[in-house]
Amino acid sequence: MSLTLAVRPPVARRAKISALGTYVPSRVLTNQDLEKLVETSDEWIYSRVGIRERHIVAEGEATSDMAVAAARKCLASRGIEPSEVDAIIVATVTPDMFFPATACLVQDKLGAAGAWGFDLSAACSGFVYALQMGTKLVESGAHSKVLVIGSDTMSSILDYTDRTTCVLFGDGAGAVLIEPAAEGEIGMIDFVHEIDGSGAPALNMPAGGSAHPSTVETVQNKMHYVHQDGQTVYKFAVRKMAETAEKVLTRNGVTVNEIAAFIPHQANKRIILSSAERLGLPLEKIVINIDRYGNTTAGTIPLAMGTAVEENRLKKGDLVLIASVGAGFTVGATLLRWEI
């Protein structure tokens, strides 16, 4: 195997994921629970999207709280104090509030004195995009410890009378620490990101921003909830997840046979399997946990990393392929070596 790293511009040093932490709320909302809220069934939900249950925040629990819980686990596993963190990047579309940034709230609650940070909004591709932002901060030599967090409280923007959306999403968070790779380690290899704004009408939350400021009418018209054209999103996701993943593999001289784990965004089991089939990836290499968590948006990929670790499906030096598609549309794929 040969990794064609020349496609990347020279960097001061290589970066790697050095630690991982995840968090989901204790409350579980099953398909049977949803049967009592909307006209649906466990069989209908599972057969179409592969979800059996999802986790929902407790009263008063917000995106920053989940992010901090995941971050604490991440830092504890590495033996790092919050005060050692240089920067915090929080990927989310459900911030605690419009401003200040959730990263500010996380920094304060975590006790990461001296760290700076910001939020990144790219919906379901948010964590993948934030991962590269953190990587570049380390590769450039600007920082040595960057905390990258994906956290979303999707239950806060769901209409639980709309069976087409409320069955899909859950709440959760995951965090990774990005640090310089040691001698002999490769860590982060390459990425491909794309956006296609023409897809915005297919998946969005219409109100609350400057286009449609909050009014009595926007609330009455349910414009502060997730709106989705399922078929349009499905077709785009299947095509672009595979295309983008294939692109990052091809330009680095990597075949699917060399991939130890494919960690896709967990939006729909059929999307995951269709994308993997297009890539020629066998089922045993695909990490799927959507049945347990649903779509946690920016939280899905770090949560899936956690599942892969729990199931002993990752070992140091393994090649990992990550892919996502989100509202925007946003698209992202990352190739890395697992160095934990």
C-alpha atoms as a PDB file:
ATOM      1  CA  MET A   1       0.000   0.000   0.000  1.00  0.00           C
ATOM      2  CA  SER A   2       1.177   3.516  -0.801  1.00  0.00           C
ATOM      3  CA  LEU A   3      -0.374   6.694   0.518  1.00  0.00           C
ATOM      4  CA  THR A   4       0.015   9.534  -1.949  1.00  0.00           C
ATOM      5  CA  LEU A   5       0.436  12.240   0.664  1.00  0.00           C
ATOM      6  CA  ALA A   6       1.880  14.624  -1.936  1.00  0.00           C
ATOM      7  CA  VAL A   7      -1.661  15.786  -2.730  1.00  0.00           C
ATOM      8  CA  ARG A   8      -1.613  17.761   0.509  1.00  0.00           C
ATOM      9  CA  PRO A   9       0.381  20.980   0.862  1.00  0.00           C
ATOM     10  CA  PRO A  10       3.445  20.764   3.141  1.00  0.00           C
ATOM     11  CA  VAL A  11       2.619  21.048   6.842  1.00  0.00           C
ATOM     12  CA  ALA A  12       4.735  21.954   9.848  1.00  0.00           C
ATOM     13  CA  ARG A  13       3.802  18.655  11.458  1.00  0.00           C
ATOM     14  CA  ARG A  14       1.231  15.906  11.197  1.00  0.00           C
ATOM     15  CA  ALA A  15      -1.865  15.739  13.414  1.00  0.00           C
ATOM     16  CA  LYS A  16      -3.793  12.837  14.904  1.00  0.00           C
ATOM     17  CA  ILE A  17      -6.813  11.995  17.025  1.00  0.00           C
ATOM     18  CA  SER A  18      -5.294  11.187  20.413  1.00  0.00           C
ATOM     19  CA  ALA A  19      -8.420  10.681  22.528  1.00  0.00           C
ATOM     20  CA  LEU A  20     -12.176  10.187  22.249  1.00  0.00           C
ATOM     21  CA  GLY A  21     -15.152  10.717  24.545  1.00  0.00           C
ATOM     22  CA  THR A  22     -18.888  10.325  23.951  1.00  0.00           C
ATOM     23  CA  TYR A  23     -22.114  11.113  25.753  1.00  0.00           C
ATOM     24  CA  VAL A  24     -25.818  10.404  25.302  1.00  0.00           C
ATOM     25  CA  PRO A  25     -28.618  11.385  27.707  1.00  0.00           C
ATOM     26  CA  SER A  26     -30.039   8.652  29.926  1.00  0.00           C
ATOM     27  CA  ARG A  27     -33.621   9.052  28.721  1.00  0.00           C
ATOM     28  CA  VAL A  28     -34.485   6.647  25.884  1.00  0.00           C
ATOM     29  CA  LEU A  29     -37.322   7.233  23.409  1.00  0.00           C
ATOM     30  CA  THR A  30     -38.245   3.979  21.675  1.00  0.00           C
ATOM     31  CA  ASN A  31     -40.256   3.398  18.536  1.00  0.00           C
ATOM     32  CA  GLN A  32     -43.014   2.062  20.757  1.00  0.00           C
ATOM     33  CA  ASP A  33     -43.023   5.394  22.608  1.00  0.00           C
ATOM     34  CA  LEU A  34     -43.399   7.223  19.300  1.00  0.00           C
ATOM     35  CA  GLU A  35     -46.347   5.021  18.382  1.00  0.00           C
ATOM     36  CA  LYS A  36     -48.214   6.824  21.173  1.00  0.00           C
ATOM     37  CA  LEU A  37     -47.381  10.254  19.730  1.00  0.00           C
ATOM     38  CA  VAL A  38     -47.839   9.898  15.980  1.00  0.00           C
ATOM     39  CA  GLU A  39     -49.274   7.453  13.477  1.00  0.00           C
ATOM     40  CA  THR A  40     -46.289   5.152  13.044  1.00  0.00           C
ATOM     41  CA  SER A  41     -44.999   1.758  14.133  1.00  0.00           C
ATOM     42  CA  ASP A  42     -41.782   0.082  15.180  1.00  0.00           C
ATOM     43  CA  GLU A  43     -41.837  -2.010  11.993  1.00  0.00           C
ATOM     44  CA  TRP A  44     -42.378   1.038   9.769  1.00  0.00           C
ATOM     45  CA  ILE A  45     -39.544   3.021  11.346  1.00  0.00           C
ATOM     46  CA  TYR A  46     -37.028   0.183  11.514  1.00  0.00           C
ATOM     47  CA  SER A  47     -37.672  -1.088   8.001  1.00  0.00           C
ATOM     48  CA  ARG A  48     -37.225   2.363   6.471  1.00  0.00           C
ATOM     49  CA  VAL A  49     -34.419   3.937   8.479  1.00  0.00           C
ATOM     50  CA  GLY A  50     -32.998   1.253  10.773  1.00  0.00           C
ATOM     51  CA  ILE A  51     -33.767   2.994  14.086  1.00  0.00           C
ATOM     52  CA  ARG A  52     -35.186   1.261  17.157  1.00  0.00           C
ATOM     53  CA  GLU A  53     -34.525   3.916  19.810  1.00  0.00           C
ATOM     54  CA  ARG A  54     -32.882   7.268  20.410  1.00  0.00           C
ATOM     55  CA  HIS A  55     -31.750   9.268  23.457  1.00  0.00           C
ATOM     56  CA  ILE A  56     -33.411  12.525  24.498  1.00  0.00           C
ATOM     57  CA  VAL A  57     -32.089  15.212  26.853  1.00  0.00           C
ATOM     58  CA  ALA A  58     -33.487  15.671  30.335  1.00  0.00           C
ATOM     59  CA  GLU A  59     -35.379  18.853  31.177  1.00  0.00           C
ATOM     60  CA  GLY A  60     -32.888  21.713  31.365  1.00  0.00           C
ATOM     61  CA  GLU A  61     -30.122  19.776  29.623  1.00  0.00           C
ATOM     62  CA  ALA A  62     -28.671  21.633  26.631  1.00  0.00           C
ATOM     63  CA  THR A  63     -26.175  21.138  23.823  1.00  0.00           C
ATOM     64  CA  SER A  64     -23.329  22.622  25.871  1.00  0.00           C
ATOM     65  CA  ASP A  65     -24.012  20.194  28.726  1.00  0.00           C
ATOM     66  CA  MET A  66     -23.697  17.184  26.438  1.00  0.00           C
ATOM     67  CA  ALA A  67     -20.590  18.671  24.836  1.00  0.00           C
ATOM     68  CA  VAL A  68     -18.941  19.176  28.223  1.00  0.00           C
ATOM     69  CA  ALA A  69     -19.776  15.622  29.324  1.00  0.00           C
ATOM     70  CA  ALA A  70     -18.192  14.187  26.157  1.00  0.00           C
ATOM     71  CA  ALA A  71     -15.203  16.519  26.452  1.00  0.00           C
ATOM     72  CA  ARG A  72     -14.541  15.527  30.069  1.00  0.00           C
ATOM     73  CA  LYS A  73     -14.467  11.848  29.110  1.00  0.00           C
ATOM     74  CA  CYS A  74     -12.187  12.604  26.188  1.00  0.00           C
ATOM     75  CA  LEU A  75      -9.667  14.570  28.247  1.00  0.00           C
ATOM     76  CA  ALA A  76      -9.787  12.105  31.155  1.00  0.00           C
ATOM     77  CA  SER A  77      -8.943   9.214  28.824  1.00  0.00           C
ATOM     78  CA  ARG A  78      -5.849  11.131  27.705  1.00  0.00           C
ATOM     79  CA  GLY A  79      -4.924  12.344  31.182  1.00  0.00           C
ATOM     80  CA  ILE A  80      -5.199  15.971  30.063  1.00  0.00           C
ATOM     81  CA  GLU A  81      -6.482  18.815  32.234  1.00  0.00           C
ATOM     82  CA  PRO A  82      -8.973  21.258  30.647  1.00  0.00           C
ATOM     83  CA  SER A  83      -6.492  24.076  31.302  1.00  0.00           C
ATOM     84  CA  GLU A  84      -4.120  22.456  28.780  1.00  0.00           C
ATOM     85  CA  VAL A  85      -6.576  22.801  25.877  1.00  0.00           C
ATOM     86  CA  ASP A  86      -5.604  25.489  23.345  1.00  0.00           C
ATOM     87  CA  ALA A  87      -8.811  25.719  21.319  1.00  0.00           C
ATOM     88  CA  ILE A  88     -12.379  24.363  21.312  1.00  0.00           C
ATOM     89  CA  ILE A  89     -14.427  23.875  18.153  1.00  0.00           C
ATOM     90  CA  VAL A  90     -18.069  22.928  18.610  1.00  0.00           C
ATOM     91  CA  ALA A  91     -19.996  21.599  15.609  1.00  0.00           C
ATOM     92  CA  THR A  92     -23.720  22.093  16.143  1.00  0.00           C
ATOM     93  CA  VAL A  93     -26.955  23.326  14.573  1.00  0.00           C
ATOM     94  CA  THR A  94     -28.706  23.448  17.932  1.00  0.00           C
ATOM     95  CA  PRO A  95     -26.614  25.905  19.961  1.00  0.00           C
ATOM     96  CA  ASP A  96     -27.762  26.794  23.443  1.00  0.00           C
ATOM     97  CA  MET A  97     -28.569  30.227  22.017  1.00  0.00           C
ATOM     98  CA  PHE A  98     -27.687  32.308  18.932  1.00  0.00           C
ATOM     99  CA  PHE A  99     -24.909  33.989  20.859  1.00  0.00           C
ATOM    100  CA  PRO A 100     -22.612  33.658  22.595  1.00  0.00           C
ATOM    101  CA  ALA A 101     -21.203  30.638  20.803  1.00  0.00           C
ATOM    102  CA  THR A 102     -21.720  27.282  22.491  1.00  0.00           C
ATOM    103  CA  ALA A 103     -17.930  26.941  22.480  1.00  0.00           C
ATOM    104  CA  CYS A 104     -17.798  29.848  24.947  1.00  0.00           C
ATOM    105  CA  LEU A 105     -20.223  28.095  27.261  1.00  0.00           C
ATOM    106  CA  VAL A 106     -18.286  24.830  26.950  1.00  0.00           C
ATOM    107  CA  GLN A 107     -15.002  26.599  27.718  1.00  0.00           C
ATOM    108  CA  ASP A 108     -16.463  28.091  30.878  1.00  0.00           C
ATOM    109  CA  LYS A 109     -18.221  24.949  32.123  1.00  0.00           C
ATOM    110  CA  LEU A 110     -15.178  22.823  31.329  1.00  0.00           C
ATOM    111  CA  GLY A 111     -12.785  25.195  33.063  1.00  0.00           C
ATOM    112  CA  ALA A 112     -10.547  25.435  30.007  1.00  0.00           C
ATOM    113  CA  ALA A 113      -8.914  28.711  31.045  1.00  0.00           C
ATOM    114  CA  GLY A 114      -6.880  30.204  28.212  1.00  0.00           C
ATOM    115  CA  ALA A 115      -8.623  28.330  25.394  1.00  0.00           C
ATOM    116  CA  TRP A 116     -10.330  30.160  22.544  1.00  0.00           C
ATOM    117  CA  GLY A 117     -12.923  28.678  20.229  1.00  0.00           C
ATOM    118  CA  PHE A 118     -15.954  28.970  18.020  1.00  0.00           C
ATOM    119  CA  ASP A 119     -19.003  27.126  16.706  1.00  0.00           C
ATOM    120  CA  LEU A 120     -19.173  25.555  13.259  1.00  0.00           C
ATOM    121  CA  SER A 121     -22.495  25.051  11.481  1.00  0.00           C
ATOM    122  CA  ALA A 122     -22.539  22.392   8.775  1.00  0.00           C
ATOM    123  CA  ALA A 123     -25.411  20.224  10.023  1.00  0.00           C
ATOM    124  CA  CYS A 124     -24.651  16.503   9.738  1.00  0.00           C
ATOM    125  CA  SER A 125     -21.211  17.221   8.242  1.00  0.00           C
ATOM    126  CA  GLY A 126     -20.376  19.545  11.121  1.00  0.00           C
ATOM    127  CA  PHE A 127     -18.066  17.188  12.987  1.00  0.00           C
ATOM    128  CA  VAL A 128     -16.205  16.211   9.802  1.00  0.00           C
ATOM    129  CA  TYR A 129     -15.619  19.872   8.950  1.00  0.00           C
ATOM    130  CA  ALA A 130     -14.620  20.750  12.520  1.00  0.00           C
ATOM    131  CA  LEU A 131     -12.213  17.808  12.536  1.00  0.00           C
ATOM    132  CA  GLN A 132     -10.295  19.378   9.666  1.00  0.00           C
ATOM    133  CA  MET A 133     -10.312  22.819  11.272  1.00  0.00           C
ATOM    134  CA  GLY A 134      -8.753  21.311  14.387  1.00  0.00           C
ATOM    135  CA  THR A 135      -6.311  19.332  12.288  1.00  0.00           C
ATOM    136  CA  LYS A 136      -5.109  22.439  10.453  1.00  0.00           C
ATOM    137  CA  LEU A 137      -4.589  24.337  13.709  1.00  0.00           C
ATOM    138  CA  VAL A 138      -2.275  21.556  14.881  1.00  0.00           C
ATOM    139  CA  GLU A 139      -0.577  20.943  11.532  1.00  0.00           C
ATOM    140  CA  SER A 140       0.238  24.630  11.217  1.00  0.00           C
ATOM    141  CA  GLY A 141       2.032  24.597  14.536  1.00  0.00           C
ATOM    142  CA  ALA A 142      -0.332  27.189  15.999  1.00  0.00           C
ATOM    143  CA  HIS A 143      -1.690  24.808  18.656  1.00  0.00           C
ATOM    144  CA  SER A 144      -0.912  21.415  20.163  1.00  0.00           C
ATOM    145  CA  LYS A 145      -4.198  20.451  21.828  1.00  0.00           C
ATOM    146  CA  VAL A 146      -7.451  21.188  20.045  1.00  0.00           C
ATOM    147  CA  LEU A 147     -10.771  19.848  21.307  1.00  0.00           C
ATOM    148  CA  VAL A 148     -13.248  19.083  18.518  1.00  0.00           C
ATOM    149  CA  ILE A 149     -16.826  18.410  19.614  1.00  0.00           C
ATOM    150  CA  GLY A 150     -19.985  17.411  17.765  1.00  0.00           C
ATOM    151  CA  SER A 151     -23.108  17.997  19.858  1.00  0.00           C
ATOM    152  CA  ASP A 152     -26.753  18.394  18.904  1.00  0.00           C
ATOM    153  CA  THR A 153     -30.034  18.523  20.799  1.00  0.00           C
ATOM    154  CA  MET A 154     -32.245  17.673  17.847  1.00  0.00           C
ATOM    155  CA  SER A 155     -35.262  17.082  20.089  1.00  0.00           C
ATOM    156  CA  SER A 156     -35.355  20.862  20.628  1.00  0.00           C
ATOM    157  CA  ILE A 157     -36.263  21.507  16.966  1.00  0.00           C
ATOM    158  CA  LEU A 158     -38.511  18.537  16.209  1.00  0.00           C
ATOM    159  CA  ASP A 159     -42.266  18.586  15.659  1.00  0.00           C
ATOM    160  CA  TYR A 160     -43.459  15.466  17.452  1.00  0.00           C
ATOM    161  CA  THR A 161     -46.652  15.516  15.416  1.00  0.00           C
ATOM    162  CA  ASP A 162     -44.683  15.123  12.147  1.00  0.00           C
ATOM    163  CA  ARG A 163     -43.949  11.439  11.725  1.00  0.00           C
ATOM    164  CA  THR A 164     -41.656  12.041   8.748  1.00  0.00           C
ATOM    165  CA  THR A 165     -39.057  13.822  10.886  1.00  0.00           C
ATOM    166  CA  CYS A 166     -39.608  13.129  14.581  1.00  0.00           C
ATOM    167  CA  VAL A 167     -38.755   9.425  14.231  1.00  0.00           C
ATOM    168  CA  LEU A 168     -35.347  10.146  12.719  1.00  0.00           C
ATOM    169  CA  PHE A 169     -33.415  12.163  15.263  1.00  0.00           C
ATOM    170  CA  GLY A 170     -31.923  11.844  18.723  1.00  0.00           C
ATOM    171  CA  ASP A 171     -29.644  13.813  21.031  1.00  0.00           C
ATOM    172  CA  GLY A 172     -25.973  13.124  21.691  1.00  0.00           C
ATOM    173  CA  ALA A 173     -22.390  14.324  21.610  1.00  0.00           C
ATOM    174  CA  GLY A 174     -18.841  13.195  20.955  1.00  0.00           C
ATOM    175  CA  ALA A 175     -15.450  14.818  21.375  1.00  0.00           C
ATOM    176  CA  VAL A 176     -11.949  14.132  20.121  1.00  0.00           C
ATOM    177  CA  LEU A 177      -8.609  15.673  21.018  1.00  0.00           C
ATOM    178  CA  ILE A 178      -6.327  16.615  18.127  1.00  0.00           C
ATOM    179  CA  GLU A 179      -2.601  16.605  18.917  1.00  0.00           C
ATOM    180  CA  PRO A 180       0.665  16.381  16.964  1.00  0.00           C
ATOM    181  CA  ALA A 181       1.420  12.878  15.686  1.00  0.00           C
ATOM    182  CA  ALA A 182       4.458  11.160  17.151  1.00  0.00           C
ATOM    183  CA  GLU A 183       7.362   9.972  15.023  1.00  0.00           C
ATOM    184  CA  GLY A 184       6.213   7.082  12.857  1.00  0.00           C
ATOM    185  CA  GLU A 185       2.537   8.000  13.162  1.00  0.00           C
ATOM    186  CA  ILE A 186       0.488   9.266  10.198  1.00  0.00           C
ATOM    187  CA  GLY A 187      -2.782  10.345  11.779  1.00  0.00           C
ATOM    188  CA  MET A 188      -4.885  12.600   9.576  1.00  0.00           C
ATOM    189  CA  ILE A 189      -4.233  11.876   5.894  1.00  0.00           C
ATOM    190  CA  ASP A 190      -6.600  13.762   3.603  1.00  0.00           C
ATOM    191  CA  PHE A 191     -10.112  15.137   3.197  1.00  0.00           C
ATOM    192  CA  VAL A 192     -12.630  16.198   0.550  1.00  0.00           C
ATOM    193  CA  HIS A 193     -15.347  18.736   1.381  1.00  0.00           C
ATOM    194  CA  GLU A 194     -18.107  20.107  -0.833  1.00  0.00           C
ATOM    195  CA  ILE A 195     -21.210  22.234  -0.450  1.00  0.00           C
ATOM    196  CA  ASP A 196     -24.209  22.586  -2.749  1.00  0.00           C
ATOM    197  CA  GLY A 197     -26.474  25.397  -1.605  1.00  0.00           C
ATOM    198  CA  SER A 198     -29.123  24.534  -4.175  1.00  0.00           C
ATOM    199  CA  GLY A 199     -30.143  21.763  -1.772  1.00  0.00           C
ATOM    200  CA  ALA A 200     -31.053  24.187   1.011  1.00  0.00           C
ATOM    201  CA  PRO A 201     -34.846  23.957   0.448  1.00  0.00           C
ATOM    202  CA  ALA A 202     -34.731  20.169   0.902  1.00  0.00           C
ATOM    203  CA  LEU A 203     -33.579  20.228   4.515  1.00  0.00           C
ATOM    204  CA  ASN A 204     -33.771  23.249   6.771  1.00  0.00           C
ATOM    205  CA  MET A 205     -35.310  25.067   9.715  1.00  0.00           C
ATOM    206  CA  PRO A 206     -37.068  27.973   7.973  1.00  0.00           C
ATOM    207  CA  ALA A 207     -37.460  30.530  10.755  1.00  0.00           C
ATOM    208  CA  GLY A 208     -35.450  32.069  13.535  1.00  0.00           C
ATOM    209  CA  GLY A 209     -32.792  33.718  11.377  1.00  0.00           C
ATOM    210  CA  SER A 210     -32.684  37.041   9.553  1.00  0.00           C
ATOM    211  CA  ALA A 211     -34.730  35.754   6.603  1.00  0.00           C
ATOM    212  CA  HIS A 212     -37.679  34.908   8.834  1.00  0.00           C
ATOM    213  CA  PRO A 213     -37.220  36.453  12.300  1.00  0.00           C
ATOM    214  CA  SER A 214     -39.209  34.866  15.087  1.00  0.00           C
ATOM    215  CA  THR A 215     -42.803  36.050  15.243  1.00  0.00           C
ATOM    216  CA  VAL A 216     -46.083  34.705  16.524  1.00  0.00           C
ATOM    217  CA  GLU A 217     -46.837  33.670  12.941  1.00  0.00           C
ATOM    218  CA  THR A 218     -43.585  31.724  12.458  1.00  0.00           C
ATOM    219  CA  VAL A 219     -44.271  29.818  15.653  1.00  0.00           C
ATOM    220  CA  GLN A 220     -47.875  29.117  14.723  1.00  0.00           C
ATOM    221  CA  ASN A 221     -46.775  27.920  11.278  1.00  0.00           C
ATOM    222  CA  LYS A 222     -44.235  25.530  12.827  1.00  0.00           C
ATOM    223  CA  MET A 223     -41.331  27.194  11.029  1.00  0.00           C
ATOM    224  CA  HIS A 224     -38.925  26.598  13.918  1.00  0.00           C
ATOM    225  CA  TYR A 225     -38.853  22.848  13.364  1.00  0.00           C
ATOM    226  CA  VAL A 226     -36.870  20.635  10.985  1.00  0.00           C
ATOM    227  CA  HIS A 227     -38.398  20.518   7.493  1.00  0.00           C
ATOM    228  CA  GLN A 228     -37.244  17.838   5.081  1.00  0.00           C
ATOM    229  CA  ASP A 229     -37.878  16.546   1.566  1.00  0.00           C
ATOM    230  CA  GLY A 230     -36.899  12.979   2.323  1.00  0.00           C
ATOM    231  CA  GLN A 231     -36.570  11.646  -1.213  1.00  0.00           C
ATOM    232  CA  THR A 232     -34.381  14.513  -2.387  1.00  0.00           C
ATOM    233  CA  VAL A 233     -32.092  14.149   0.627  1.00  0.00           C
ATOM    234  CA  TYR A 234     -31.914  10.372   0.237  1.00  0.00           C
ATOM    235  CA  LYS A 235     -30.904  10.453  -3.431  1.00  0.00           C
ATOM    236  CA  PHE A 236     -28.290  13.152  -2.895  1.00  0.00           C
ATOM    237  CA  ALA A 237     -26.820  11.457   0.182  1.00  0.00           C
ATOM    238  CA  VAL A 238     -26.406   8.041  -1.428  1.00  0.00           C
ATOM    239  CA  ARG A 239     -24.659   9.508  -4.466  1.00  0.00           C
ATOM    240  CA  LYS A 240     -22.447  12.087  -2.787  1.00  0.00           C
ATOM    241  CA  MET A 241     -21.319  10.024   0.215  1.00  0.00           C
ATOM    242  CA  ALA A 242     -19.945   7.405  -2.167  1.00  0.00           C
ATOM    243  CA  GLU A 243     -18.503   9.896  -4.665  1.00  0.00           C
ATOM    244  CA  THR A 244     -16.671  11.939  -2.060  1.00  0.00           C
ATOM    245  CA  ALA A 245     -15.342   8.894  -0.218  1.00  0.00           C
ATOM    246  CA  GLU A 246     -14.127   7.373  -3.472  1.00  0.00           C
ATOM    247  CA  LYS A 247     -12.380  10.625  -4.388  1.00  0.00           C
ATOM    248  CA  VAL A 248     -10.361  10.781  -1.178  1.00  0.00           C
ATOM    249  CA  LEU A 249      -9.387   7.113  -1.533  1.00  0.00           C
ATOM    250  CA  THR A 250      -8.363   7.395  -5.188  1.00  0.00           C
ATOM    251  CA  ARG A 251      -6.141  10.427  -4.818  1.00  0.00           C
ATOM    252  CA  ASN A 252      -4.294   8.760  -1.935  1.00  0.00           C
ATOM    253  CA  GLY A 253      -3.784   5.434  -3.692  1.00  0.00           C
ATOM    254  CA  VAL A 254      -5.897   3.519  -1.185  1.00  0.00           C
ATOM    255  CA  THR A 255      -8.260   0.674  -2.094  1.00  0.00           C
ATOM    256  CA  VAL A 256     -11.356  -0.324  -0.158  1.00  0.00           C
ATOM    257  CA  ASN A 257      -9.600  -3.567   0.773  1.00  0.00           C
ATOM    258  CA  GLU A 258      -7.152  -1.540   2.852  1.00  0.00           C
ATOM    259  CA  ILE A 259      -9.858   0.219   4.844  1.00  0.00           C
ATOM    260  CA  ALA A 260     -10.363  -1.307   8.299  1.00  0.00           C
ATOM    261  CA  ALA A 261     -13.473   0.684   9.167  1.00  0.00           C
ATOM    262  CA  PHE A 262     -15.965   2.835   7.288  1.00  0.00           C
ATOM    263  CA  ILE A 263     -17.593   5.310   9.684  1.00  0.00           C
ATOM    264  CA  PRO A 264     -20.478   7.045   7.900  1.00  0.00           C
ATOM    265  CA  HIS A 265     -22.914   9.642   9.140  1.00  0.00           C
ATOM    266  CA  GLN A 266     -25.835   7.789  10.730  1.00  0.00           C
ATOM    267  CA  ALA A 267     -28.879   9.284   9.015  1.00  0.00           C
ATOM    268  CA  ASN A 268     -30.552   6.245   7.491  1.00  0.00           C
ATOM    269  CA  LYS A 269     -29.393   2.634   7.401  1.00  0.00           C
ATOM    270  CA  ARG A 270     -30.409   2.321   3.759  1.00  0.00           C
ATOM    271  CA  ILE A 271     -28.250   5.327   2.849  1.00  0.00           C
ATOM    272  CA  ILE A 272     -25.311   3.793   4.698  1.00  0.00           C
ATOM    273  CA  LEU A 273     -25.655   0.388   3.032  1.00  0.00           C
ATOM    274  CA  SER A 274     -26.243   1.853  -0.433  1.00  0.00           C
ATOM    275  CA  SER A 275     -23.181   4.089  -0.139  1.00  0.00           C
ATOM    276  CA  ALA A 276     -21.043   1.202   1.081  1.00  0.00           C
ATOM    277  CA  GLU A 277     -22.278  -1.001  -1.755  1.00  0.00           C
ATOM    278  CA  ARG A 278     -21.281   1.645  -4.309  1.00  0.00           C
ATOM    279  CA  LEU A 279     -17.819   1.748  -2.748  1.00  0.00           C
ATOM    280  CA  GLY A 280     -17.539  -2.036  -2.678  1.00  0.00           C
ATOM    281  CA  LEU A 281     -17.171  -2.151   1.113  1.00  0.00           C
ATOM    282  CA  PRO A 282     -18.289  -5.365   2.851  1.00  0.00           C
ATOM    283  CA  LEU A 283     -20.760  -5.203   5.728  1.00  0.00           C
ATOM    284  CA  GLU A 284     -18.177  -6.219   8.336  1.00  0.00           C
ATOM    285  CA  LYS A 285     -16.216  -3.013   7.717  1.00  0.00           C
ATOM    286  CA  ILE A 286     -19.180  -0.666   8.187  1.00  0.00           C
ATOM    287  CA  VAL A 287     -19.811   0.856  11.614  1.00  0.00           C
ATOM    288  CA  ILE A 288     -23.562   1.199  12.196  1.00  0.00           C
ATOM    289  CA  ASN A 289     -25.208   2.266  15.449  1.00  0.00           C
ATOM    290  CA  ILE A 290     -28.220   4.197  14.137  1.00  0.00           C
ATOM    291  CA  ASP A 291     -30.492   1.562  15.676  1.00  0.00           C
ATOM    292  CA  ARG A 292     -29.426   2.755  19.160  1.00  0.00           C
ATOM    293  CA  TYR A 293     -29.054   6.506  18.709  1.00  0.00           C
ATOM    294  CA  GLY A 294     -30.907   7.672  15.607  1.00  0.00           C
ATOM    295  CA  ASN A 295     -29.517  10.677  13.757  1.00  0.00           C
ATOM    296  CA  THR A 296     -27.718  12.902  16.279  1.00  0.00           C
ATOM    297  CA  THR A 297     -26.493  15.223  13.477  1.00  0.00           C
ATOM    298  CA  ALA A 298     -22.992  16.440  14.454  1.00  0.00           C
ATOM    299  CA  GLY A 299     -22.806  13.750  17.115  1.00  0.00           C
ATOM    300  CA  THR A 300     -23.172  10.708  14.866  1.00  0.00           C
ATOM    301  CA  ILE A 301     -19.588  10.198  13.713  1.00  0.00           C
ATOM    302  CA  PRO A 302     -17.846  10.512  17.099  1.00  0.00           C
ATOM    303  CA  LEU A 303     -20.564   8.298  18.594  1.00  0.00           C
ATOM    304  CA  ALA A 304     -19.887   5.747  15.847  1.00  0.00           C
ATOM    305  CA  MET A 305     -16.170   5.988  16.594  1.00  0.00           C
ATOM    306  CA  GLY A 306     -17.077   5.139  20.171  1.00  0.00           C
ATOM    307  CA  THR A 307     -19.093   2.140  19.016  1.00  0.00           C
ATOM    308  CA  ALA A 308     -16.161   0.900  16.905  1.00  0.00           C
ATOM    309  CA  VAL A 309     -13.860   1.153  19.924  1.00  0.00           C
ATOM    310  CA  GLU A 310     -16.372  -0.575  22.225  1.00  0.00           C
ATOM    311  CA  GLU A 311     -16.725  -3.431  19.739  1.00  0.00           C
ATOM    312  CA  ASN A 312     -12.927  -3.778  19.371  1.00  0.00           C
ATOM    313  CA  ARG A 313     -13.140  -2.961  15.667  1.00  0.00           C
ATOM    314  CA  LEU A 314     -10.323  -0.407  15.703  1.00  0.00           C
ATOM    315  CA  LYS A 315      -6.658  -0.877  16.513  1.00  0.00           C
ATOM    316  CA  LYS A 316      -3.719   1.477  16.279  1.00  0.00           C
ATOM    317  CA  GLY A 317      -2.601   1.973  12.680  1.00  0.00           C
ATOM    318  CA  ASP A 318      -5.925   1.020  11.085  1.00  0.00           C
ATOM    319  CA  LEU A 319      -7.044   3.005   8.049  1.00  0.00           C
ATOM    320  CA  VAL A 320     -10.414   4.672   8.693  1.00  0.00           C
ATOM    321  CA  LEU A 321     -12.736   6.241   6.129  1.00  0.00           C
ATOM    322  CA  ILE A 322     -15.326   8.785   7.289  1.00  0.00           C
ATOM    323  CA  ALA A 323     -18.136  10.198   5.127  1.00  0.00           C
ATOM    324  CA  SER A 324     -21.101  12.485   5.688  1.00  0.00           C
ATOM    325  CA  VAL A 325     -23.840  14.468   3.976  1.00  0.00           C
ATOM    326  CA  GLY A 326     -25.887  17.148   5.700  1.00  0.00           C
ATOM    327  CA  ALA A 327     -28.255  20.057   5.230  1.00  0.00           C
ATOM    328  CA  GLY A 328     -26.863  22.756   3.006  1.00  0.00           C
ATOM    329  CA  PHE A 329     -26.143  20.463   1.271  1.00  0.00           C
ATOM    330  CA  THR A 330     -22.797  19.780   2.945  1.00  0.00           C
ATOM    331  CA  VAL A 331     -20.592  16.837   2.043  1.00  0.00           C
ATOM    332  CA  GLY A 332     -17.409  15.577   3.662  1.00  0.00           C
ATOM    333  CA  ALA A 333     -15.038  12.607   3.589  1.00  0.00           C
ATOM    334  CA  THR A 334     -11.884  12.043   5.626  1.00  0.00           C
ATOM    335  CA  LEU A 335      -9.140   9.438   5.474  1.00  0.00           C
ATOM    336  CA  LEU A 336      -7.056   8.845   8.579  1.00  0.00           C
ATOM    337  CA  ARG A 337      -4.978   6.355  10.503  1.00  0.00           C
ATOM    338  CA  TRP A 338      -6.295   5.488  13.930  1.00  0.00           C
ATOM    339  CA  GLU A 339      -3.477   6.309  16.364  1.00  0.00           C
ATOM    340  CA  ILE A 340      -5.114   5.657  19.746  1.00  0.00           C
END
